[in-house]
PDB file of N, CA and C in Angstrom:
ATOM      1  N   MET A   1      22.873  -7.861  31.034  1.00  0.00           N
ATOM      2  CA  MET A   1      21.849  -9.403  31.841  1.00  0.00           C
ATOM      3  C   MET A   1      20.579  -9.263  31.799  1.00  0.00           C
ATOM      4  N   THR A   2      19.732 -11.208  31.577  1.00  0.00           N
ATOM      5  CA  THR A   2      18.494 -10.718  31.466  1.00  0.00           C
ATOM      6  C   THR A   2      18.584 -11.977  32.880  1.00  0.00           C
ATOM      7  N   TYR A   3      17.536 -11.081  33.285  1.00  0.00           N
ATOM      8  CA  TYR A   3      17.181 -11.562  34.788  1.00  0.00           C
ATOM      9  C   TYR A   3      15.850 -12.743  34.158  1.00  0.00           C
ATOM     10  N   THR A   4      15.484 -13.820  34.730  1.00  0.00           N
ATOM     11  CA  THR A   4      14.474 -14.315  34.598  1.00  0.00           C
ATOM     12  C   THR A   4      14.327 -15.004  36.252  1.00  0.00           C
ATOM     13  N   ALA A   5      12.897 -15.141  36.594  1.00  0.00           N
ATOM     14  CA  ALA A   5      12.313 -15.688  37.887  1.00  0.00           C
ATOM     15  C   ALA A   5      13.441 -16.749  38.475  1.00  0.00           C
ATOM     16  N   ALA A   6      13.759 -17.544  37.712  1.00  0.00           N
ATOM     17  CA  ALA A   6      15.070 -18.849  38.163  1.00  0.00           C
ATOM     18  C   ALA A   6      16.159 -18.025  38.456  1.00  0.00           C
ATOM     19  N   THR A   7      16.617 -17.609  37.998  1.00  0.00           N
ATOM     20  CA  THR A   7      17.878 -16.328  37.675  1.00  0.00           C
ATOM     21  C   THR A   7      17.479 -16.128  39.013  1.00  0.00           C
ATOM     22  N   MET A   8      16.931 -15.144  39.291  1.00  0.00           N
ATOM     23  CA  MET A   8      16.922 -14.120  41.003  1.00  0.00           C
ATOM     24  C   MET A   8      16.448 -15.427  41.487  1.00  0.00           C
ATOM     25  N   SER A   9      15.768 -16.108  41.663  1.00  0.00           N
ATOM     26  CA  SER A   9      15.235 -16.868  42.522  1.00  0.00           C
ATOM     27  C   SER A   9      16.732 -17.626  43.621  1.00  0.00           C
ATOM     28  N   GLN A  10      17.766 -17.373  42.975  1.00  0.00           N
ATOM     29  CA  GLN A  10      18.843 -18.480  43.342  1.00  0.00           C
ATOM     30  C   GLN A  10      19.863 -17.403  44.725  1.00  0.00           C
ATOM     31  N   ALA A  11      19.137 -15.951  44.175  1.00  0.00           N
ATOM     32  CA  ALA A  11      19.728 -15.418  45.136  1.00  0.00           C
ATOM     33  C   ALA A  11      19.242 -14.824  46.442  1.00  0.00           C
ATOM     34  N   ILE A  12      18.223 -15.614  46.455  1.00  0.00           N
ATOM     35  CA  ILE A  12      17.393 -15.070  47.711  1.00  0.00           C
ATOM     36  C   ILE A  12      18.000 -16.450  48.827  1.00  0.00           C
ATOM     37  N   GLY A  13      18.247 -15.600  49.806  1.00  0.00           N
ATOM     38  CA  GLY A  13      19.405 -16.407  51.028  1.00  0.00           C
ATOM     39  C   GLY A  13      20.628 -16.109  51.210  1.00  0.00           C
ATOM     40  N   GLN A  14      21.379 -15.522  49.823  1.00  0.00           N
ATOM     41  CA  GLN A  14      22.718 -15.110  49.901  1.00  0.00           C
ATOM     42  C   GLN A  14      22.826 -14.267  50.820  1.00  0.00           C
ATOM     43  N   THR A  15      23.838 -13.713  51.234  1.00  0.00           N
ATOM     44  CA  THR A  15      24.888 -12.424  51.519  1.00  0.00           C
ATOM     45  C   THR A  15      25.380 -11.434  50.337  1.00  0.00           C
ATOM     46  N   VAL A  16      25.574 -10.420  50.597  1.00  0.00           N
ATOM     47  CA  VAL A  16      25.688  -9.343  50.165  1.00  0.00           C
ATOM     48  C   VAL A  16      26.363  -8.326  50.028  1.00  0.00           C
ATOM     49  N   SER A  17      27.219  -7.453  49.663  1.00  0.00           N
ATOM     50  CA  SER A  17      27.308  -6.655  50.047  1.00  0.00           C
ATOM     51  C   SER A  17      26.598  -5.700  49.502  1.00  0.00           C
ATOM     52  N   VAL A  18      26.410  -4.034  49.890  1.00  0.00           N
ATOM     53  CA  VAL A  18      25.249  -3.285  49.821  1.00  0.00           C
ATOM     54  C   VAL A  18      26.047  -2.210  49.314  1.00  0.00           C
ATOM     55  N   ARG A  19      26.278  -0.675  48.946  1.00  0.00           N
ATOM     56  CA  ARG A  19      26.936   0.197  48.510  1.00  0.00           C
ATOM     57  C   ARG A  19      25.867   1.314  49.263  1.00  0.00           C
ATOM     58  N   PHE A  20      26.327   1.719  50.337  1.00  0.00           N
ATOM     59  CA  PHE A  20      25.210   2.539  50.974  1.00  0.00           C
ATOM     60  C   PHE A  20      25.679   3.797  51.596  1.00  0.00           C
ATOM     61  N   ASP A  21      25.625   5.296  51.247  1.00  0.00           N
ATOM     62  CA  ASP A  21      26.438   6.276  51.764  1.00  0.00           C
ATOM     63  C   ASP A  21      27.975   6.203  51.869  1.00  0.00           C
ATOM     64  N   GLY A  22      28.576   5.546  51.086  1.00  0.00           N
ATOM     65  CA  GLY A  22      29.661   5.586  50.900  1.00  0.00           C
ATOM     66  C   GLY A  22      30.344   4.497  51.939  1.00  0.00           C
ATOM     67  N   PHE A  23      29.508   3.464  52.387  1.00  0.00           N
ATOM     68  CA  PHE A  23      30.054   2.045  53.397  1.00  0.00           C
ATOM     69  C   PHE A  23      29.167   0.693  52.706  1.00  0.00           C
ATOM     70  N   GLN A  24      30.046  -0.060  52.599  1.00  0.00           N
ATOM     71  CA  GLN A  24      29.499  -1.509  52.169  1.00  0.00           C
ATOM     72  C   GLN A  24      29.261  -2.080  53.008  1.00  0.00           C
ATOM     73  N   VAL A  25      27.762  -2.462  53.208  1.00  0.00           N
ATOM     74  CA  VAL A  25      27.149  -3.114  54.626  1.00  0.00           C
ATOM     75  C   VAL A  25      27.021  -4.765  53.777  1.00  0.00           C
ATOM     76  N   ALA A  26      27.296  -5.603  54.629  1.00  0.00           N
ATOM     77  CA  ALA A  26      27.063  -6.850  54.833  1.00  0.00           C
ATOM     78  C   ALA A  26      24.997  -7.475  55.249  1.00  0.00           C
ATOM     79  N   MET A  27      24.093  -7.947  53.522  1.00  0.00           N
ATOM     80  CA  MET A  27      23.116  -8.350  53.916  1.00  0.00           C
ATOM     81  C   MET A  27      22.132  -8.844  53.294  1.00  0.00           C
ATOM     82  N   ARG A  28      21.366  -9.791  53.867  1.00  0.00           N
ATOM     83  CA  ARG A  28      21.271 -10.852  53.051  1.00  0.00           C
ATOM     84  C   ARG A  28      20.004 -10.561  52.272  1.00  0.00           C
ATOM     85  N   VAL A  29      19.559 -11.241  51.719  1.00  0.00           N
ATOM     86  CA  VAL A  29      18.801 -11.104  50.327  1.00  0.00           C
ATOM     87  C   VAL A  29      17.319 -12.040  50.588  1.00  0.00           C
ATOM     88  N   LEU A  30      15.986 -11.571  50.419  1.00  0.00           N
ATOM     89  CA  LEU A  30      15.081 -11.888  51.163  1.00  0.00           C
ATOM     90  C   LEU A  30      14.066 -12.429  50.042  1.00  0.00           C
ATOM     91  N   ASP A  31      14.253 -11.558  49.229  1.00  0.00           N
ATOM     92  CA  ASP A  31      13.482 -11.972  47.897  1.00  0.00           C
ATOM     93  C   ASP A  31      13.286 -11.316  46.984  1.00  0.00           C
ATOM     94  N   ALA A  32      13.315 -11.706  46.101  1.00  0.00           N
ATOM     95  CA  ALA A  32      13.682 -10.563  44.108  1.00  0.00           C
ATOM     96  C   ALA A  32      12.546 -10.501  43.390  1.00  0.00           C
ATOM     97  N   LYS A  33      12.567  -9.615  42.459  1.00  0.00           N
ATOM     98  CA  LYS A  33      11.645  -9.767  41.609  1.00  0.00           C
ATOM     99  C   LYS A  33      12.388  -8.476  40.550  1.00  0.00           C
ATOM    100  N   GLN A  34      11.466  -8.610  39.291  1.00  0.00           N
ATOM    101  CA  GLN A  34      11.835  -7.594  38.290  1.00  0.00           C
ATOM    102  C   GLN A  34      10.773  -6.005  38.548  1.00  0.00           C
ATOM    103  N   SER A  35      11.264  -4.647  38.382  1.00  0.00           N
ATOM    104  CA  SER A  35      10.053  -4.021  38.960  1.00  0.00           C
ATOM    105  C   SER A  35      10.065  -2.178  37.807  1.00  0.00           C
ATOM    106  N   TYR A  36       9.283  -3.460  36.874  1.00  0.00           N
ATOM    107  CA  TYR A  36       9.135  -2.017  35.572  1.00  0.00           C
ATOM    108  C   TYR A  36      10.446  -2.545  34.773  1.00  0.00           C
ATOM    109  N   GLY A  37      10.861  -3.739  34.565  1.00  0.00           N
ATOM    110  CA  GLY A  37      12.603  -4.167  33.331  1.00  0.00           C
ATOM    111  C   GLY A  37      13.459  -4.538  34.401  1.00  0.00           C
ATOM    112  N   VAL A  38      13.781  -3.827  35.619  1.00  0.00           N
ATOM    113  CA  VAL A  38      14.757  -3.420  36.873  1.00  0.00           C
ATOM    114  C   VAL A  38      14.615  -4.625  37.595  1.00  0.00           C
ATOM    115  N   PRO A  39      15.664  -5.363  37.730  1.00  0.00           N
ATOM    116  CA  PRO A  39      16.053  -6.287  39.090  1.00  0.00           C
ATOM    117  C   PRO A  39      16.086  -5.688  39.838  1.00  0.00           C
ATOM    118  N   ARG A  40      15.434  -5.906  41.101  1.00  0.00           N
ATOM    119  CA  ARG A  40      15.414  -5.439  42.639  1.00  0.00           C
ATOM    120  C   ARG A  40      15.225  -6.795  43.347  1.00  0.00           C
ATOM    121  N   VAL A  41      16.204  -6.293  44.367  1.00  0.00           N
ATOM    122  CA  VAL A  41      15.887  -7.506  45.982  1.00  0.00           C
ATOM    123  C   VAL A  41      15.512  -7.033  46.922  1.00  0.00           C
ATOM    124  N   GLN A  42      14.645  -7.683  47.870  1.00  0.00           N
ATOM    125  CA  GLN A  42      15.020  -7.098  49.770  1.00  0.00           C
ATOM    126  C   GLN A  42      15.630  -7.097  49.976  1.00  0.00           C
ATOM    127  N   VAL A  43      16.420  -7.092  51.086  1.00  0.00           N
ATOM    128  CA  VAL A  43      17.579  -7.091  51.862  1.00  0.00           C
ATOM    129  C   VAL A  43      17.204  -6.365  53.051  1.00  0.00           C
ATOM    130  N   THR A  44      17.677  -7.344  53.845  1.00  0.00           N
ATOM    131  CA  THR A  44      18.127  -7.060  55.534  1.00  0.00           C
ATOM    132  C   THR A  44      19.482  -7.146  55.895  1.00  0.00           C
ATOM    133  N   PRO A  45      19.601  -5.930  56.691  1.00  0.00           N
ATOM    134  CA  PRO A  45      20.704  -5.936  56.975  1.00  0.00           C
ATOM    135  C   PRO A  45      21.502  -7.516  58.164  1.00  0.00           C
ATOM    136  N   VAL A  46      22.670  -7.911  57.552  1.00  0.00           N
ATOM    137  CA  VAL A  46      23.556  -9.528  58.422  1.00  0.00           C
ATOM    138  C   VAL A  46      23.359  -8.708  59.927  1.00  0.00           C
ATOM    139  N   SER A  47      23.547  -7.796  60.365  1.00  0.00           N
ATOM    140  CA  SER A  47      23.446  -7.892  62.590  1.00  0.00           C
ATOM    141  C   SER A  47      22.651  -6.118  62.362  1.00  0.00           C
ATOM    142  N   GLY A  48      21.393  -6.155  62.765  1.00  0.00           N
ATOM    143  CA  GLY A  48      20.663  -4.837  62.508  1.00  0.00           C
ATOM    144  C   GLY A  48      18.951  -5.366  62.628  1.00  0.00           C
ATOM    145  N   THR A  49      18.919  -4.242  62.227  1.00  0.00           N
ATOM    146  CA  THR A  49      16.983  -4.779  61.655  1.00  0.00           C
ATOM    147  C   THR A  49      16.019  -3.595  60.469  1.00  0.00           C
ATOM    148  N   GLY A  50      15.611  -4.122  60.217  1.00  0.00           N
ATOM    149  CA  GLY A  50      15.260  -3.658  58.627  1.00  0.00           C
ATOM    150  C   GLY A  50      14.724  -3.756  57.411  1.00  0.00           C
ATOM    151  N   THR A  51      13.997  -3.534  56.530  1.00  0.00           N
ATOM    152  CA  THR A  51      14.285  -4.402  54.956  1.00  0.00           C
ATOM    153  C   THR A  51      14.036  -3.362  54.342  1.00  0.00           C
ATOM    154  N   ALA A  52      14.685  -3.566  52.960  1.00  0.00           N
ATOM    155  CA  ALA A  52      14.441  -2.418  52.264  1.00  0.00           C
ATOM    156  C   ALA A  52      14.710  -3.026  50.282  1.00  0.00           C
ATOM    157  N   TRP A  53      13.533  -2.857  49.317  1.00  0.00           N
ATOM    158  CA  TRP A  53      14.111  -2.898  48.596  1.00  0.00           C
ATOM    159  C   TRP A  53      14.621  -2.655  47.703  1.00  0.00           C
ATOM    160  N   ILE A  54      15.840  -3.130  46.809  1.00  0.00           N
ATOM    161  CA  ILE A  54      16.813  -1.709  45.913  1.00  0.00           C
ATOM    162  C   ILE A  54      17.503  -2.316  44.683  1.00  0.00           C
ATOM    163  N   ASP A  55      17.522  -1.465  44.139  1.00  0.00           N
ATOM    164  CA  ASP A  55      18.524  -2.123  42.294  1.00  0.00           C
ATOM    165  C   ASP A  55      19.356  -2.749  42.787  1.00  0.00           C
ATOM    166  N   LEU A  56      19.323  -3.975  42.015  1.00  0.00           N
ATOM    167  CA  LEU A  56      20.121  -5.066  41.757  1.00  0.00           C
ATOM    168  C   LEU A  56      21.395  -4.379  41.138  1.00  0.00           C
ATOM    169  N   THR A  57      22.062  -3.356  41.345  1.00  0.00           N
ATOM    170  CA  THR A  57      23.114  -2.843  40.185  1.00  0.00           C
ATOM    171  C   THR A  57      23.687  -2.128  41.774  1.00  0.00           C
ATOM    172  N   ARG A  58      23.024  -2.247  42.788  1.00  0.00           N
ATOM    173  CA  ARG A  58      24.442  -1.952  44.116  1.00  0.00           C
ATOM    174  C   ARG A  58      24.252  -3.164  44.924  1.00  0.00           C
ATOM    175  N   CYS A  59      24.640  -4.428  44.904  1.00  0.00           N
ATOM    176  CA  CYS A  59      24.897  -4.701  45.169  1.00  0.00           C
ATOM    177  C   CYS A  59      25.917  -5.774  44.083  1.00  0.00           C
ATOM    178  N   SER A  60      26.803  -6.425  45.369  1.00  0.00           N
ATOM    179  CA  SER A  60      28.410  -7.453  45.309  1.00  0.00           C
ATOM    180  C   SER A  60      28.019  -8.644  45.860  1.00  0.00           C
ATOM    181  N   ARG A  61      29.043  -9.207  45.287  1.00  0.00           N
ATOM    182  CA  ARG A  61      29.419 -10.255  46.038  1.00  0.00           C
ATOM    183  C   ARG A  61      30.116  -9.725  47.063  1.00  0.00           C
ATOM    184  N   PRO A  62      29.872 -10.395  48.135  1.00  0.00           N
ATOM    185  CA  PRO A  62      31.149  -9.807  49.230  1.00  0.00           C
ATOM    186  C   PRO A  62      32.560 -11.457  49.118  1.00  0.00           C
ATOM    187  N   GLU A  63      33.579 -10.859  49.331  1.00  0.00           N
ATOM    188  CA  GLU A  63      35.502 -11.128  49.488  1.00  0.00           C
ATOM    189  C   GLU A  63      35.019 -12.214  49.988  1.00  0.00           C
ATOM    190  N   GLN A  64      35.466 -13.716  49.620  1.00  0.00           N
ATOM    191  CA  GLN A  64      35.008 -14.935  49.835  1.00  0.00           C
ATOM    192  C   GLN A  64      36.523 -15.410  50.197  1.00  0.00           C
ATOM    193  N   PRO A  65      36.441 -16.081  50.898  1.00  0.00           N
ATOM    194  CA  PRO A  65      38.127 -16.700  51.362  1.00  0.00           C
ATOM    195  C   PRO A  65      38.331 -17.740  51.013  1.00  0.00           C
ATOM    196  N   SER A  66      39.728 -18.063  50.180  1.00  0.00           N
ATOM    197  CA  SER A  66      39.879 -19.330  49.961  1.00  0.00           C
ATOM    198  C   SER A  66      39.485 -20.329  50.462  1.00  0.00           C
ATOM    199  N   GLY A  67      39.003 -21.115  49.029  1.00  0.00           N
ATOM    200  CA  GLY A  67      39.247 -22.130  49.161  1.00  0.00           C
ATOM    201  C   GLY A  67      37.231 -22.351  50.352  1.00  0.00           C
ATOM    202  N   SER A  68      36.472 -21.411  50.205  1.00  0.00           N
ATOM    203  CA  SER A  68      35.281 -21.139  50.507  1.00  0.00           C
ATOM    204  C   SER A  68      34.425 -21.012  48.966  1.00  0.00           C
ATOM    205  N   LYS A  69      33.268 -21.575  49.210  1.00  0.00           N
ATOM    206  CA  LYS A  69      31.938 -21.389  47.991  1.00  0.00           C
ATOM    207  C   LYS A  69      31.634 -20.210  48.021  1.00  0.00           C
ATOM    208  N   GLN A  70      31.494 -20.129  46.274  1.00  0.00           N
ATOM    209  CA  GLN A  70      31.443 -18.486  46.105  1.00  0.00           C
ATOM    210  C   GLN A  70      29.689 -19.348  45.987  1.00  0.00           C
ATOM    211  N   VAL A  71      28.766 -17.631  46.373  1.00  0.00           N
ATOM    212  CA  VAL A  71      27.186 -17.806  46.064  1.00  0.00           C
ATOM    213  C   VAL A  71      26.900 -17.603  44.652  1.00  0.00           C
ATOM    214  N   ALA A  72      25.695 -17.621  43.912  1.00  0.00           N
ATOM    215  CA  ALA A  72      25.428 -17.026  42.596  1.00  0.00           C
ATOM    216  C   ALA A  72      24.844 -16.070  43.251  1.00  0.00           C
ATOM    217  N   GLN A  73      24.702 -15.219  42.360  1.00  0.00           N
ATOM    218  CA  GLN A  73      24.327 -13.801  42.325  1.00  0.00           C
ATOM    219  C   GLN A  73      23.100 -13.754  41.199  1.00  0.00           C
TER     220      GLN A  73
END
């Protein structure tokens, strides 16, 4: 998939599930960019502190309860 600034900017502010050492952690996307052709997002935990730039491939959309709105990624 080709990621453009317009499509990647839709992820900013969304909550995603991030794989981390065998855990799935809920994180909020703060920013997005391409680095050497690799899409990356800056995330912060929903509950906790800190930020990190990670590859977009580590992110997935969290399970949505039925009837709720699906987020863009």
